[in-house]
Amino acid sequence: MFFTTTLLIDLMKDTLAMVLLLCAPVLTVATTVGVIITLIQAVTSLQESTLTFVPKVAACIGVLIFTAPWMVETLINHTTQMFSLMLEIAQHAGGRGG
C-alpha cells in the first residue's frame, strides 16, 4: 500500500466523519434543549441565564453517559484501523528499503 495524497485525503475524511458522528448526539440534544428552553422563556417572559445553562448541561451529561460505550467502541475501532494502516505503510516502506 502506497502512502499517497488520495489515501491521506480519505483518512482525513474518515476522521472528520467520525468526529462529527461522535459529536452529533451531544450537539443535537444541546440544541434541542436550548430551543425548548428559549421557547419557554419567550412564552413566560423569564430571562434567567441559568435557566438555559443548567438543563443543557444536565441533558448533555445524560447523553454522554448513555452514549459513552458506543463512543468508546467507535474511537477504539478507528484507532485500531489507523494503527493497522500505519503498520502496513511502514512494512511497505521497509520492503522498499526505506
N, C-alpha and C. Protein backbone atom coordinates (compact mmCIF):
# COMPACT_ATOMS: atom_id res chain seq x y z
N MET A 1 0.85 -1.18 0.00
CA MET A 1 0.00 0.00 0.00
C MET A 1 0.89 1.24 0.00
N PHE A 2 0.64 2.10 -0.93
CA PHE A 2 1.42 3.31 -1.05
C PHE A 2 0.74 4.44 -0.28
N PHE A 3 1.55 5.28 0.35
CA PHE A 3 1.03 6.44 1.05
C PHE A 3 0.93 7.57 0.04
N THR A 4 -0.28 7.80 -0.46
CA THR A 4 -0.50 8.79 -1.49
C THR A 4 -1.36 9.93 -0.95
N THR A 5 -1.49 10.94 -1.75
CA THR A 5 -2.35 12.07 -1.40
C THR A 5 -3.80 11.61 -1.29
N THR A 6 -4.22 10.71 -2.15
CA THR A 6 -5.59 10.19 -2.10
C THR A 6 -5.84 9.45 -0.79
N LEU A 7 -4.88 8.65 -0.37
CA LEU A 7 -5.02 7.94 0.90
C LEU A 7 -5.10 8.92 2.06
N LEU A 8 -4.27 9.94 2.03
CA LEU A 8 -4.29 10.95 3.09
C LEU A 8 -5.64 11.68 3.14
N ILE A 9 -6.18 12.03 1.99
CA ILE A 9 -7.48 12.69 1.93
C ILE A 9 -8.58 11.77 2.45
N ASP A 10 -8.52 10.50 2.10
CA ASP A 10 -9.50 9.54 2.59
C ASP A 10 -9.41 9.39 4.11
N LEU A 11 -8.19 9.36 4.63
CA LEU A 11 -8.02 9.27 6.08
C LEU A 11 -8.60 10.49 6.79
N MET A 12 -8.36 11.65 6.23
CA MET A 12 -8.89 12.88 6.83
C MET A 12 -10.41 12.90 6.76
N LYS A 13 -10.98 12.47 5.64
CA LYS A 13 -12.45 12.42 5.52
C LYS A 13 -13.04 11.46 6.53
N ASP A 14 -12.43 10.28 6.67
CA ASP A 14 -12.93 9.30 7.63
C ASP A 14 -12.84 9.82 9.06
N THR A 15 -11.73 10.47 9.37
CA THR A 15 -11.55 11.00 10.72
C THR A 15 -12.54 12.11 11.02
N LEU A 16 -12.73 13.03 10.09
CA LEU A 16 -13.69 14.12 10.30
C LEU A 16 -15.12 13.59 10.39
N ALA A 17 -15.44 12.59 9.58
CA ALA A 17 -16.77 11.99 9.65
C ALA A 17 -16.99 11.33 11.01
N MET A 18 -15.95 10.67 11.53
CA MET A 18 -16.07 10.04 12.83
C MET A 18 -16.26 11.08 13.93
N VAL A 19 -15.52 12.17 13.86
CA VAL A 19 -15.66 13.24 14.85
C VAL A 19 -17.07 13.82 14.82
N LEU A 20 -17.58 14.08 13.63
CA LEU A 20 -18.95 14.60 13.52
C LEU A 20 -19.97 13.60 14.05
N LEU A 21 -19.76 12.33 13.76
CA LEU A 21 -20.66 11.28 14.24
C LEU A 21 -20.65 11.21 15.77
N LEU A 22 -19.47 11.34 16.37
CA LEU A 22 -19.38 11.28 17.82
C LEU A 22 -19.94 12.54 18.49
N CYS A 23 -19.83 13.67 17.85
CA CYS A 23 -20.34 14.92 18.42
C CYS A 23 -21.84 15.10 18.21
N ALA A 24 -22.39 14.45 17.22
CA ALA A 24 -23.80 14.66 16.85
C ALA A 24 -24.80 14.45 17.97
N PRO A 25 -24.73 13.38 18.75
CA PRO A 25 -25.75 13.21 19.79
C PRO A 25 -25.75 14.35 20.82
N VAL A 26 -24.58 14.75 21.27
CA VAL A 26 -24.49 15.81 22.28
C VAL A 26 -24.94 17.14 21.70
N LEU A 27 -24.48 17.45 20.49
CA LEU A 27 -24.87 18.72 19.87
C LEU A 27 -26.36 18.78 19.58
N THR A 28 -26.93 17.66 19.15
CA THR A 28 -28.36 17.62 18.85
C THR A 28 -29.18 17.84 20.11
N VAL A 29 -28.81 17.17 21.19
CA VAL A 29 -29.55 17.32 22.45
C VAL A 29 -29.38 18.74 23.00
N ALA A 30 -28.16 19.27 22.97
CA ALA A 30 -27.93 20.62 23.48
C ALA A 30 -28.73 21.65 22.69
N THR A 31 -28.76 21.50 21.38
CA THR A 31 -29.52 22.43 20.54
C THR A 31 -31.02 22.30 20.81
N THR A 32 -31.51 21.08 20.89
CA THR A 32 -32.94 20.86 21.12
C THR A 32 -33.36 21.41 22.48
N VAL A 33 -32.58 21.12 23.51
CA VAL A 33 -32.91 21.63 24.85
C VAL A 33 -32.84 23.15 24.86
N GLY A 34 -31.86 23.72 24.20
CA GLY A 34 -31.74 25.18 24.13
C GLY A 34 -32.93 25.83 23.46
N VAL A 35 -33.39 25.24 22.36
CA VAL A 35 -34.56 25.79 21.65
C VAL A 35 -35.81 25.68 22.52
N ILE A 36 -35.99 24.53 23.16
CA ILE A 36 -37.18 24.34 24.02
C ILE A 36 -37.17 25.34 25.17
N ILE A 37 -36.02 25.49 25.83
CA ILE A 37 -35.93 26.44 26.95
C ILE A 37 -36.14 27.87 26.47
N THR A 38 -35.60 28.20 25.32
CA THR A 38 -35.79 29.54 24.76
C THR A 38 -37.26 29.81 24.47
N LEU A 39 -37.96 28.82 23.92
CA LEU A 39 -39.39 28.98 23.68
C LEU A 39 -40.16 29.17 24.98
N ILE A 40 -39.80 28.39 25.98
CA ILE A 40 -40.45 28.54 27.29
C ILE A 40 -40.18 29.92 27.87
N GLN A 41 -38.95 30.39 27.74
CA GLN A 41 -38.60 31.73 28.24
C GLN A 41 -39.38 32.80 27.49
N ALA A 42 -39.53 32.63 26.18
CA ALA A 42 -40.26 33.64 25.39
C ALA A 42 -41.74 33.67 25.77
N VAL A 43 -42.31 32.50 26.00
CA VAL A 43 -43.73 32.42 26.34
C VAL A 43 -43.99 32.97 27.74
N THR A 44 -43.10 32.66 28.68
CA THR A 44 -43.32 33.06 30.08
C THR A 44 -42.62 34.36 30.45
N SER A 45 -41.87 34.95 29.54
CA SER A 45 -41.13 36.20 29.77
C SER A 45 -40.08 36.08 30.87
N LEU A 46 -39.56 34.88 31.08
CA LEU A 46 -38.45 34.68 32.01
C LEU A 46 -37.14 34.89 31.27
N GLN A 47 -36.24 35.67 31.86
CA GLN A 47 -34.95 35.92 31.22
C GLN A 47 -33.81 35.58 32.18
N GLU A 48 -33.83 34.38 32.69
CA GLU A 48 -32.80 33.92 33.61
C GLU A 48 -31.77 33.09 32.83
N SER A 49 -30.50 33.49 32.90
CA SER A 49 -29.48 32.81 32.09
C SER A 49 -29.21 31.39 32.58
N THR A 50 -29.31 31.16 33.88
CA THR A 50 -29.06 29.82 34.39
C THR A 50 -30.16 28.86 33.99
N LEU A 51 -31.32 29.37 33.66
CA LEU A 51 -32.43 28.52 33.24
C LEU A 51 -32.09 27.81 31.93
N THR A 52 -31.27 28.42 31.11
CA THR A 52 -30.84 27.79 29.87
C THR A 52 -29.63 26.88 30.10
N PHE A 53 -28.70 27.35 30.91
CA PHE A 53 -27.43 26.64 31.09
C PHE A 53 -27.59 25.30 31.80
N VAL A 54 -28.27 25.29 32.92
CA VAL A 54 -28.35 24.08 33.75
C VAL A 54 -29.04 22.91 33.02
N PRO A 55 -30.19 23.11 32.37
CA PRO A 55 -30.79 21.98 31.65
C PRO A 55 -29.93 21.47 30.49
N LYS A 56 -29.25 22.38 29.81
CA LYS A 56 -28.36 21.94 28.72
C LYS A 56 -27.25 21.05 29.25
N VAL A 57 -26.62 21.48 30.34
CA VAL A 57 -25.52 20.70 30.91
C VAL A 57 -26.04 19.35 31.39
N ALA A 58 -27.18 19.35 32.06
CA ALA A 58 -27.74 18.09 32.56
C ALA A 58 -28.09 17.15 31.40
N ALA A 59 -28.68 17.68 30.35
CA ALA A 59 -29.03 16.86 29.19
C ALA A 59 -27.78 16.32 28.50
N CYS A 60 -26.76 17.15 28.36
CA CYS A 60 -25.51 16.70 27.73
C CYS A 60 -24.83 15.62 28.56
N ILE A 61 -24.82 15.77 29.86
CA ILE A 61 -24.23 14.74 30.72
C ILE A 61 -25.01 13.43 30.57
N GLY A 62 -26.33 13.53 30.53
CA GLY A 62 -27.15 12.34 30.34
C GLY A 62 -26.85 11.64 29.02
N VAL A 63 -26.73 12.42 27.96
CA VAL A 63 -26.42 11.84 26.65
C VAL A 63 -25.03 11.22 26.65
N LEU A 64 -24.07 11.88 27.27
CA LEU A 64 -22.72 11.33 27.33
C LEU A 64 -22.70 10.01 28.10
N ILE A 65 -23.44 9.94 29.19
CA ILE A 65 -23.49 8.69 29.96
C ILE A 65 -24.14 7.59 29.12
N PHE A 66 -25.21 7.95 28.43
CA PHE A 66 -25.94 6.97 27.64
C PHE A 66 -25.15 6.48 26.42
N THR A 67 -24.42 7.38 25.76
CA THR A 67 -23.72 7.03 24.53
C THR A 67 -22.23 6.72 24.72
N ALA A 68 -21.74 6.80 25.95
CA ALA A 68 -20.30 6.58 26.19
C ALA A 68 -19.80 5.22 25.69
N PRO A 69 -20.51 4.12 25.94
CA PRO A 69 -19.99 2.83 25.43
C PRO A 69 -19.85 2.83 23.90
N TRP A 70 -20.82 3.36 23.21
CA TRP A 70 -20.76 3.43 21.75
C TRP A 70 -19.62 4.33 21.29
N MET A 71 -19.46 5.48 21.97
CA MET A 71 -18.39 6.41 21.59
C MET A 71 -17.02 5.78 21.78
N VAL A 72 -16.83 5.11 22.91
CA VAL A 72 -15.54 4.47 23.18
C VAL A 72 -15.27 3.36 22.16
N GLU A 73 -16.27 2.56 21.87
CA GLU A 73 -16.11 1.49 20.88
C GLU A 73 -15.75 2.06 19.51
N THR A 74 -16.42 3.13 19.12
CA THR A 74 -16.14 3.77 17.83
C THR A 74 -14.71 4.32 17.79
N LEU A 75 -14.29 4.97 18.87
CA LEU A 75 -12.93 5.50 18.92
C LEU A 75 -11.88 4.39 18.89
N ILE A 76 -12.14 3.32 19.61
CA ILE A 76 -11.19 2.20 19.62
C ILE A 76 -11.08 1.58 18.23
N ASN A 77 -12.21 1.38 17.57
CA ASN A 77 -12.18 0.82 16.21
C ASN A 77 -11.42 1.72 15.25
N HIS A 78 -11.66 3.03 15.33
CA HIS A 78 -10.98 3.97 14.44
C HIS A 78 -9.47 3.97 14.73
N THR A 79 -9.10 3.99 16.01
CA THR A 79 -7.69 3.99 16.37
C THR A 79 -7.00 2.71 15.92
N THR A 80 -7.68 1.58 16.08
CA THR A 80 -7.13 0.30 15.63
C THR A 80 -6.90 0.31 14.12
N GLN A 81 -7.86 0.84 13.38
CA GLN A 81 -7.70 0.94 11.93
C GLN A 81 -6.51 1.83 11.57
N MET A 82 -6.34 2.95 12.28
CA MET A 82 -5.23 3.86 11.98
C MET A 82 -3.88 3.19 12.26
N PHE A 83 -3.79 2.49 13.39
CA PHE A 83 -2.52 1.83 13.71
C PHE A 83 -2.24 0.68 12.73
N SER A 84 -3.26 -0.03 12.32
CA SER A 84 -3.07 -1.10 11.32
C SER A 84 -2.58 -0.52 10.01
N LEU A 85 -3.16 0.60 9.62
CA LEU A 85 -2.74 1.26 8.38
C LEU A 85 -1.30 1.75 8.49
N MET A 86 -0.94 2.32 9.64
CA MET A 86 0.45 2.77 9.83
C MET A 86 1.41 1.60 9.73
N LEU A 87 1.01 0.45 10.29
CA LEU A 87 1.85 -0.74 10.22
C LEU A 87 2.02 -1.21 8.78
N GLU A 88 0.93 -1.22 8.01
CA GLU A 88 1.01 -1.61 6.60
C GLU A 88 1.92 -0.67 5.82
N ILE A 89 1.78 0.63 6.07
CA ILE A 89 2.62 1.60 5.36
C ILE A 89 4.08 1.42 5.75
N ALA A 90 4.36 1.20 7.02
CA ALA A 90 5.74 1.01 7.49
C ALA A 90 6.34 -0.26 6.90
N GLN A 91 5.54 -1.34 6.84
CA GLN A 91 6.05 -2.58 6.27
C GLN A 91 6.32 -2.42 4.79
N HIS A 92 5.46 -1.69 4.10
CA HIS A 92 5.67 -1.46 2.67
C HIS A 92 6.92 -0.61 2.46
N ALA A 93 7.08 0.42 3.26
CA ALA A 93 8.25 1.29 3.13
C ALA A 93 9.52 0.52 3.48
N GLY A 94 9.43 -0.38 4.48
CA GLY A 94 10.58 -1.18 4.85
C GLY A 94 10.96 -2.17 3.76
N GLY A 95 9.96 -2.69 3.06
CA GLY A 95 10.21 -3.63 1.97
C GLY A 95 10.90 -2.98 0.79
N ARG A 96 10.71 -1.66 0.64
CA ARG A 96 11.35 -0.93 -0.45
C ARG A 96 12.77 -0.54 -0.09
N GLY A 97 13.12 -0.71 1.18
CA GLY A 97 14.48 -0.30 1.57
C GLY A 97 14.48 1.10 2.14
N GLY A 98 13.34 1.58 2.65
CA GLY A 98 13.32 2.87 3.31
C GLY A 98 12.37 3.75 2.67
